[in-house]
Amino acid sequence: VTVEDEATTDAKLWEGAHASGWRLHDKGQGHYLRVGPDGTRHTNKADALEARRDSKAAGKAAAASPGPAASASPPRPEVGTSAEAPLPAPSSSAPPPPKGSSLLRDGEAVSVGDKLVSLDVREVWVEGSVASVREGAIKVHYRGWARRWDE
């Protein structure tokens, strides 16, 4: 049962949790499942707080955006080969990639589990990993995003 009561959600999580899209699912006997705005599920408050911190860190670079749930689409990887049209180059105001990262070149080998970063549509670097590799294409899972946003 989803708890739609703002006061209960904020009391069990933190002030403003309900307004920012967090929901509680009552599992009975005083146990709750915490569901983030992006659909990720957290069995305890500590995990939900960590997801909130990660979301806030990503959101600082895009102050006008309250977080992943507000994006019309998930981040788009800058790597791999695809039949889709190439992505536009980042604007000159885009932040530089995190230290220690490098561009993946067409034809460069990747493996399932390899870590990567991707510049999303809000020009925020998002951590992810290679979920699968097939016929020269990779599927990426973005940290903190529901699996439905894998691409």
N, C-alpha and C. Protein backbone atom coordinates (compact mmCIF):
# COMPACT_ATOMS: atom_id res chain seq x y z
N VAL A 1 0.85 -1.17 0.00
CA VAL A 1 0.00 0.00 0.00
C VAL A 1 0.90 1.24 0.00
N THR A 2 0.71 2.10 -0.98
CA THR A 2 1.49 3.33 -1.05
C THR A 2 0.95 4.34 -0.05
N VAL A 3 1.85 4.92 0.72
CA VAL A 3 1.49 5.94 1.69
C VAL A 3 1.52 7.28 0.98
N GLU A 4 0.38 7.92 0.83
CA GLU A 4 0.30 9.20 0.13
C GLU A 4 0.32 10.38 1.09
N ASP A 5 0.41 10.10 2.38
CA ASP A 5 0.40 11.14 3.39
C ASP A 5 1.78 11.80 3.48
N GLU A 6 1.82 13.09 3.14
CA GLU A 6 3.08 13.84 3.14
C GLU A 6 3.74 13.85 4.52
N ALA A 7 2.95 14.05 5.58
CA ALA A 7 3.51 14.12 6.93
C ALA A 7 4.18 12.81 7.32
N THR A 8 3.56 11.69 6.99
CA THR A 8 4.14 10.38 7.33
C THR A 8 5.42 10.15 6.53
N THR A 9 5.38 10.42 5.24
CA THR A 9 6.57 10.23 4.40
C THR A 9 7.73 11.07 4.91
N ASP A 10 7.47 12.36 5.18
CA ASP A 10 8.53 13.24 5.67
C ASP A 10 9.03 12.79 7.04
N ALA A 11 8.14 12.32 7.90
CA ALA A 11 8.55 11.87 9.24
C ALA A 11 9.43 10.62 9.16
N LYS A 12 9.11 9.71 8.23
CA LYS A 12 9.88 8.46 8.11
C LYS A 12 11.18 8.65 7.31
N LEU A 13 11.24 9.69 6.48
CA LEU A 13 12.44 9.93 5.68
C LEU A 13 13.12 11.22 6.12
N TRP A 14 12.73 12.33 5.55
CA TRP A 14 13.28 13.64 5.90
C TRP A 14 12.31 14.71 5.41
N GLU A 15 12.42 15.89 5.95
CA GLU A 15 11.54 17.00 5.56
C GLU A 15 11.67 17.26 4.06
N GLY A 16 10.54 17.29 3.38
CA GLY A 16 10.52 17.57 1.95
C GLY A 16 10.63 16.34 1.07
N ALA A 17 10.74 15.14 1.67
CA ALA A 17 10.90 13.92 0.88
C ALA A 17 9.69 13.69 -0.03
N HIS A 18 8.50 13.83 0.50
CA HIS A 18 7.29 13.60 -0.28
C HIS A 18 7.19 14.58 -1.44
N ALA A 19 7.46 15.86 -1.17
CA ALA A 19 7.37 16.89 -2.21
C ALA A 19 8.38 16.66 -3.32
N SER A 20 9.52 16.02 -3.00
CA SER A 20 10.54 15.78 -4.02
C SER A 20 10.34 14.44 -4.74
N GLY A 21 9.20 13.76 -4.46
CA GLY A 21 8.88 12.57 -5.22
C GLY A 21 9.10 11.24 -4.52
N TRP A 22 9.61 11.25 -3.29
CA TRP A 22 9.81 10.01 -2.55
C TRP A 22 8.47 9.50 -2.04
N ARG A 23 8.30 8.18 -2.03
CA ARG A 23 7.08 7.56 -1.54
C ARG A 23 7.44 6.39 -0.63
N LEU A 24 6.52 6.08 0.27
CA LEU A 24 6.65 4.91 1.15
C LEU A 24 5.62 3.88 0.73
N HIS A 25 6.01 2.62 0.78
CA HIS A 25 5.07 1.52 0.59
C HIS A 25 5.04 0.76 1.91
N ASP A 26 3.88 0.72 2.54
CA ASP A 26 3.69 0.05 3.82
C ASP A 26 3.68 -1.46 3.60
N LYS A 27 4.70 -2.13 4.14
CA LYS A 27 4.80 -3.58 4.00
C LYS A 27 4.13 -4.31 5.17
N GLY A 28 3.61 -3.54 6.12
CA GLY A 28 2.95 -4.13 7.28
C GLY A 28 3.90 -4.26 8.45
N GLN A 29 3.34 -4.36 9.65
CA GLN A 29 4.09 -4.54 10.89
C GLN A 29 5.17 -3.48 11.08
N GLY A 30 4.88 -2.26 10.63
CA GLY A 30 5.81 -1.15 10.83
C GLY A 30 6.99 -1.12 9.87
N HIS A 31 6.95 -1.93 8.82
CA HIS A 31 8.03 -1.97 7.84
C HIS A 31 7.61 -1.22 6.58
N TYR A 32 8.56 -0.46 6.02
CA TYR A 32 8.28 0.34 4.84
C TYR A 32 9.34 0.12 3.77
N LEU A 33 8.92 0.19 2.53
CA LEU A 33 9.82 0.22 1.40
C LEU A 33 9.86 1.66 0.94
N ARG A 34 11.07 2.21 0.78
CA ARG A 34 11.22 3.60 0.36
C ARG A 34 11.49 3.63 -1.13
N VAL A 35 10.71 4.39 -1.89
CA VAL A 35 10.83 4.44 -3.34
C VAL A 35 11.21 5.85 -3.76
N GLY A 36 12.36 5.96 -4.44
CA GLY A 36 12.86 7.25 -4.88
C GLY A 36 12.08 7.78 -6.07
N PRO A 37 12.27 9.06 -6.39
CA PRO A 37 11.57 9.68 -7.52
C PRO A 37 11.85 8.96 -8.85
N ASP A 38 13.00 8.30 -8.94
CA ASP A 38 13.36 7.59 -10.17
C ASP A 38 12.90 6.14 -10.18
N GLY A 39 12.19 5.72 -9.11
CA GLY A 39 11.67 4.36 -9.05
C GLY A 39 12.57 3.37 -8.33
N THR A 40 13.75 3.80 -7.91
CA THR A 40 14.63 2.88 -7.19
C THR A 40 14.03 2.58 -5.82
N ARG A 41 14.20 1.35 -5.38
CA ARG A 41 13.61 0.91 -4.11
C ARG A 41 14.71 0.72 -3.08
N HIS A 42 14.41 1.15 -1.85
CA HIS A 42 15.38 1.09 -0.76
C HIS A 42 14.70 0.46 0.45
N THR A 43 15.33 -0.56 1.01
CA THR A 43 14.73 -1.27 2.14
C THR A 43 15.00 -0.59 3.48
N ASN A 44 15.94 0.34 3.50
CA ASN A 44 16.18 1.03 4.76
C ASN A 44 16.47 2.51 4.52
N LYS A 45 16.34 3.28 5.59
CA LYS A 45 16.50 4.73 5.49
C LYS A 45 17.92 5.11 5.08
N ALA A 46 18.92 4.38 5.57
CA ALA A 46 20.31 4.69 5.24
C ALA A 46 20.55 4.63 3.73
N ASP A 47 20.01 3.60 3.06
CA ASP A 47 20.15 3.49 1.61
C ASP A 47 19.43 4.63 0.90
N ALA A 48 18.24 4.99 1.39
CA ALA A 48 17.50 6.09 0.80
C ALA A 48 18.27 7.40 0.95
N LEU A 49 18.88 7.61 2.12
CA LEU A 49 19.67 8.82 2.34
C LEU A 49 20.88 8.87 1.41
N GLU A 50 21.52 7.73 1.20
CA GLU A 50 22.66 7.68 0.27
C GLU A 50 22.22 8.02 -1.15
N ALA A 51 21.09 7.48 -1.57
CA ALA A 51 20.57 7.79 -2.91
C ALA A 51 20.24 9.27 -3.02
N ARG A 52 19.71 9.84 -1.96
CA ARG A 52 19.40 11.28 -1.94
C ARG A 52 20.68 12.10 -2.07
N ARG A 53 21.73 11.71 -1.33
CA ARG A 53 23.02 12.41 -1.41
C ARG A 53 23.58 12.34 -2.83
N ASP A 54 23.53 11.15 -3.43
CA ASP A 54 24.02 10.98 -4.80
C ASP A 54 23.24 11.86 -5.77
N SER A 55 21.93 11.91 -5.59
CA SER A 55 21.08 12.71 -6.46
C SER A 55 21.38 14.20 -6.28
N LYS A 56 21.58 14.62 -5.03
CA LYS A 56 21.88 16.03 -4.77
C LYS A 56 23.23 16.41 -5.38
N ALA A 57 24.21 15.52 -5.27
CA ALA A 57 25.53 15.81 -5.84
C ALA A 57 25.44 16.00 -7.34
N ALA A 58 24.66 15.15 -8.01
CA ALA A 58 24.48 15.29 -9.45
C ALA A 58 23.69 16.55 -9.78
N GLY A 59 22.75 16.91 -8.92
CA GLY A 59 21.91 18.07 -9.16
C GLY A 59 22.60 19.40 -8.97
N LYS A 60 23.69 19.43 -8.19
CA LYS A 60 24.40 20.70 -7.97
C LYS A 60 24.92 21.28 -9.27
N ALA A 61 25.31 20.40 -10.18
CA ALA A 61 25.84 20.88 -11.45
C ALA A 61 24.73 21.40 -12.37
N ALA A 62 23.51 21.04 -12.03
CA ALA A 62 22.35 21.50 -12.83
C ALA A 62 21.32 22.06 -11.87
N ALA A 63 21.60 23.20 -11.29
CA ALA A 63 20.80 23.77 -10.22
C ALA A 63 19.33 23.95 -10.60
N ALA A 64 19.05 24.14 -11.84
CA ALA A 64 17.66 24.34 -12.25
C ALA A 64 16.87 23.05 -12.26
N SER A 65 17.54 21.91 -12.19
CA SER A 65 16.87 20.62 -12.25
C SER A 65 16.86 19.98 -10.86
N PRO A 66 15.69 19.57 -10.33
CA PRO A 66 15.62 18.98 -9.01
C PRO A 66 16.14 17.55 -8.93
N GLY A 67 16.49 16.91 -10.02
CA GLY A 67 17.04 15.56 -9.94
C GLY A 67 16.64 14.73 -11.14
N PRO A 68 17.05 13.44 -11.11
CA PRO A 68 16.83 12.58 -12.26
C PRO A 68 15.38 12.47 -12.69
N ALA A 69 14.44 12.47 -11.77
CA ALA A 69 13.05 12.28 -12.15
C ALA A 69 12.52 13.42 -13.00
N ALA A 70 13.15 14.59 -12.91
CA ALA A 70 12.66 15.74 -13.66
C ALA A 70 13.10 15.71 -15.12
N SER A 71 14.10 14.89 -15.44
CA SER A 71 14.56 14.81 -16.82
C SER A 71 13.51 14.14 -17.68
N ALA A 72 13.37 14.61 -18.90
CA ALA A 72 12.43 13.99 -19.82
C ALA A 72 12.96 12.64 -20.28
N SER A 73 14.28 12.46 -20.21
CA SER A 73 14.87 11.20 -20.63
C SER A 73 16.10 10.93 -19.78
N PRO A 74 16.58 9.69 -19.78
CA PRO A 74 17.76 9.33 -18.99
C PRO A 74 19.02 9.89 -19.64
N PRO A 75 20.16 9.77 -18.94
CA PRO A 75 21.41 10.21 -19.53
C PRO A 75 21.70 9.43 -20.81
N ARG A 76 22.47 10.01 -21.70
CA ARG A 76 22.86 9.34 -22.94
C ARG A 76 24.36 9.11 -22.90
N PRO A 77 24.82 7.88 -23.15
CA PRO A 77 26.26 7.63 -23.12
C PRO A 77 26.96 8.32 -24.27
N GLU A 78 28.19 8.70 -24.02
CA GLU A 78 29.01 9.34 -25.04
C GLU A 78 29.86 8.29 -25.77
N VAL A 79 29.65 7.02 -25.46
CA VAL A 79 30.54 5.98 -25.97
C VAL A 79 29.78 4.97 -26.80
N GLY A 80 30.53 4.12 -27.50
CA GLY A 80 29.93 3.01 -28.21
C GLY A 80 29.57 3.36 -29.64
N THR A 81 29.15 2.35 -30.36
CA THR A 81 28.70 2.57 -31.73
C THR A 81 27.20 2.34 -31.76
N SER A 82 26.52 3.08 -32.58
CA SER A 82 25.08 2.98 -32.62
C SER A 82 24.58 3.41 -33.99
N ALA A 83 23.43 2.88 -34.37
CA ALA A 83 22.82 3.29 -35.62
C ALA A 83 22.10 4.63 -35.47
N GLU A 84 21.93 5.08 -34.22
CA GLU A 84 21.26 6.35 -33.97
C GLU A 84 22.15 7.50 -34.44
N ALA A 85 21.53 8.66 -34.64
CA ALA A 85 22.30 9.85 -34.99
C ALA A 85 23.26 10.17 -33.86
N PRO A 86 24.43 10.71 -34.18
CA PRO A 86 25.38 11.04 -33.14
C PRO A 86 24.81 12.10 -32.21
N LEU A 87 25.24 12.05 -30.97
CA LEU A 87 24.79 13.04 -29.99
C LEU A 87 25.47 14.37 -30.25
N PRO A 88 24.81 15.47 -29.93
CA PRO A 88 25.46 16.76 -30.10
C PRO A 88 26.64 16.89 -29.14
N ALA A 89 27.61 17.67 -29.53
CA ALA A 89 28.76 17.91 -28.67
C ALA A 89 28.31 18.69 -27.44
N PRO A 90 28.94 18.45 -26.28
CA PRO A 90 28.59 19.21 -25.09
C PRO A 90 28.84 20.70 -25.33
N SER A 91 28.05 21.53 -24.66
CA SER A 91 28.25 22.97 -24.79
C SER A 91 29.56 23.35 -24.11
N SER A 92 30.01 24.55 -24.38
CA SER A 92 31.26 25.01 -23.77
C SER A 92 31.13 25.15 -22.27
N SER A 93 29.89 25.19 -21.75
CA SER A 93 29.69 25.31 -20.30
C SER A 93 29.64 23.96 -19.61
N ALA A 94 29.71 22.87 -20.38
CA ALA A 94 29.67 21.53 -19.78
C ALA A 94 30.88 21.34 -18.88
N PRO A 95 30.68 20.69 -17.72
CA PRO A 95 31.80 20.44 -16.82
C PRO A 95 32.77 19.44 -17.46
N PRO A 96 34.04 19.51 -17.11
CA PRO A 96 34.99 18.53 -17.64
C PRO A 96 34.68 17.15 -17.06
N PRO A 97 35.08 16.09 -17.76
CA PRO A 97 34.86 14.75 -17.21
C PRO A 97 35.61 14.57 -15.89
N PRO A 98 35.14 13.67 -15.05
CA PRO A 98 35.84 13.42 -13.79
C PRO A 98 37.29 13.01 -14.01
N LYS A 99 38.15 13.36 -13.06
CA LYS A 99 39.57 13.00 -13.16
C LYS A 99 39.71 11.48 -13.30
N GLY A 100 40.64 11.07 -14.13
CA GLY A 100 40.91 9.66 -14.33
C GLY A 100 40.07 9.00 -15.41
N SER A 101 39.13 9.75 -15.99
CA SER A 101 38.30 9.16 -17.04
C SER A 101 38.90 9.51 -18.40
N SER A 102 38.58 8.70 -19.39
CA SER A 102 39.05 8.96 -20.75
C SER A 102 37.95 8.56 -21.72
N LEU A 103 38.01 9.09 -22.92
CA LEU A 103 37.01 8.79 -23.93
C LEU A 103 37.21 7.38 -24.47
N LEU A 104 36.11 6.70 -24.70
CA LEU A 104 36.14 5.39 -25.32
C LEU A 104 36.06 5.59 -26.82
N ARG A 105 36.96 5.02 -27.56
CA ARG A 105 37.00 5.17 -29.01
C ARG A 105 36.21 4.05 -29.69
N ASP A 106 35.63 4.33 -30.85
CA ASP A 106 34.92 3.31 -31.62
C ASP A 106 35.82 2.10 -31.80
N GLY A 107 35.27 0.92 -31.57
CA GLY A 107 36.01 -0.32 -31.75
C GLY A 107 36.79 -0.75 -30.53
N GLU A 108 36.91 0.12 -29.52
CA GLU A 108 37.64 -0.24 -28.30
C GLU A 108 36.83 -1.26 -27.51
N ALA A 109 37.48 -2.30 -27.00
CA ALA A 109 36.79 -3.37 -26.30
C ALA A 109 36.30 -2.92 -24.93
N VAL A 110 35.09 -3.34 -24.59
CA VAL A 110 34.54 -3.14 -23.25
C VAL A 110 33.97 -4.47 -22.80
N SER A 111 33.82 -4.61 -21.49
CA SER A 111 33.28 -5.85 -20.92
C SER A 111 32.15 -5.52 -19.96
N VAL A 112 31.26 -6.47 -19.78
CA VAL A 112 30.18 -6.31 -18.81
C VAL A 112 30.79 -6.01 -17.45
N GLY A 113 30.26 -4.99 -16.79
CA GLY A 113 30.76 -4.60 -15.47
C GLY A 113 31.74 -3.43 -15.51
N ASP A 114 32.29 -3.12 -16.70
CA ASP A 114 33.21 -1.98 -16.79
C ASP A 114 32.49 -0.72 -16.33
N LYS A 115 33.17 0.10 -15.56
CA LYS A 115 32.61 1.36 -15.06
C LYS A 115 32.80 2.44 -16.11
N LEU A 116 31.84 3.39 -16.17
CA LEU A 116 31.96 4.51 -17.09
C LEU A 116 31.23 5.71 -16.52
N VAL A 117 31.44 6.85 -17.13
CA VAL A 117 30.68 8.05 -16.83
C VAL A 117 30.09 8.55 -18.14
N SER A 118 28.94 9.19 -18.03
CA SER A 118 28.25 9.67 -19.22
C SER A 118 27.73 11.07 -18.94
N LEU A 119 27.83 11.94 -19.93
CA LEU A 119 27.30 13.29 -19.80
C LEU A 119 25.84 13.26 -20.20
N ASP A 120 24.94 13.54 -19.23
CA ASP A 120 23.52 13.45 -19.55
C ASP A 120 23.00 14.74 -20.18
N VAL A 121 21.72 14.75 -20.49
CA VAL A 121 21.13 15.89 -21.20
C VAL A 121 21.16 17.18 -20.39
N ARG A 122 21.33 17.06 -19.08
CA ARG A 122 21.43 18.25 -18.22
C ARG A 122 22.89 18.71 -18.08
N GLU A 123 23.78 18.03 -18.81
CA GLU A 123 25.22 18.26 -18.74
C GLU A 123 25.77 18.01 -17.34
N VAL A 124 25.35 16.87 -16.78
CA VAL A 124 25.82 16.37 -15.50
C VAL A 124 26.45 15.01 -15.76
N TRP A 125 27.63 14.76 -15.22
CA TRP A 125 28.28 13.47 -15.40
C TRP A 125 27.59 12.45 -14.49
N VAL A 126 27.19 11.32 -15.06
CA VAL A 126 26.47 10.27 -14.34
C VAL A 126 27.30 8.99 -14.41
N GLU A 127 27.47 8.34 -13.25
CA GLU A 127 28.21 7.08 -13.20
C GLU A 127 27.34 5.94 -13.70
N GLY A 128 27.97 4.98 -14.33
CA GLY A 128 27.24 3.81 -14.82
C GLY A 128 28.19 2.65 -15.01
N SER A 129 27.63 1.57 -15.53
CA SER A 129 28.44 0.40 -15.84
C SER A 129 27.86 -0.28 -17.07
N VAL A 130 28.70 -1.06 -17.73
CA VAL A 130 28.28 -1.79 -18.92
C VAL A 130 27.42 -2.97 -18.46
N ALA A 131 26.16 -2.97 -18.89
CA ALA A 131 25.22 -4.04 -18.51
C ALA A 131 25.30 -5.21 -19.48
N SER A 132 25.52 -4.92 -20.77
CA SER A 132 25.68 -5.99 -21.75
C SER A 132 26.40 -5.45 -22.98
N VAL A 133 26.99 -6.36 -23.74
CA VAL A 133 27.69 -6.01 -24.97
C VAL A 133 27.17 -6.94 -26.05
N ARG A 134 26.76 -6.34 -27.20
CA ARG A 134 26.24 -7.16 -28.30
C ARG A 134 26.50 -6.46 -29.62
N GLU A 135 27.12 -7.16 -30.54
CA GLU A 135 27.31 -6.68 -31.90
C GLU A 135 27.79 -5.23 -31.98
N GLY A 136 28.80 -4.91 -31.23
CA GLY A 136 29.38 -3.57 -31.30
C GLY A 136 28.61 -2.51 -30.56
N ALA A 137 27.55 -2.88 -29.85
CA ALA A 137 26.76 -1.93 -29.07
C ALA A 137 26.85 -2.31 -27.59
N ILE A 138 26.74 -1.32 -26.74
CA ILE A 138 26.74 -1.60 -25.32
C ILE A 138 25.43 -1.11 -24.71
N LYS A 139 25.02 -1.80 -23.66
CA LYS A 139 23.87 -1.36 -22.87
C LYS A 139 24.43 -0.87 -21.54
N VAL A 140 24.01 0.33 -21.15
CA VAL A 140 24.55 0.97 -19.95
C VAL A 140 23.49 1.02 -18.85
N HIS A 141 23.90 0.67 -17.63
CA HIS A 141 23.04 0.89 -16.46
C HIS A 141 23.62 2.07 -15.69
N TYR A 142 22.76 3.06 -15.42
CA TYR A 142 23.19 4.27 -14.72
C TYR A 142 22.94 4.13 -13.23
N ARG A 143 23.98 4.40 -12.44
CA ARG A 143 23.89 4.30 -10.98
C ARG A 143 22.81 5.26 -10.46
N GLY A 144 21.92 4.73 -9.64
CA GLY A 144 20.86 5.54 -9.07
C GLY A 144 19.61 5.64 -9.92
N TRP A 145 19.61 5.03 -11.09
CA TRP A 145 18.46 5.05 -12.00
C TRP A 145 17.83 3.66 -12.00
N ALA A 146 16.53 3.61 -12.17
CA ALA A 146 15.84 2.32 -12.30
C ALA A 146 16.32 1.64 -13.58
N ARG A 147 16.30 0.33 -13.60
CA ARG A 147 16.77 -0.45 -14.75
C ARG A 147 16.01 -0.10 -16.03
N ARG A 148 14.79 0.43 -15.91
CA ARG A 148 14.02 0.77 -17.11
C ARG A 148 14.72 1.87 -17.92
N TRP A 149 15.67 2.58 -17.33
CA TRP A 149 16.39 3.63 -18.05
C TRP A 149 17.69 3.11 -18.68
N ASP A 150 18.00 1.82 -18.49
CA ASP A 150 19.19 1.27 -19.14
C ASP A 150 19.06 1.47 -20.64
N GLU A 151 20.16 1.77 -21.28
CA GLU A 151 20.15 1.94 -22.74
C GLU A 151 21.49 1.59 -23.32
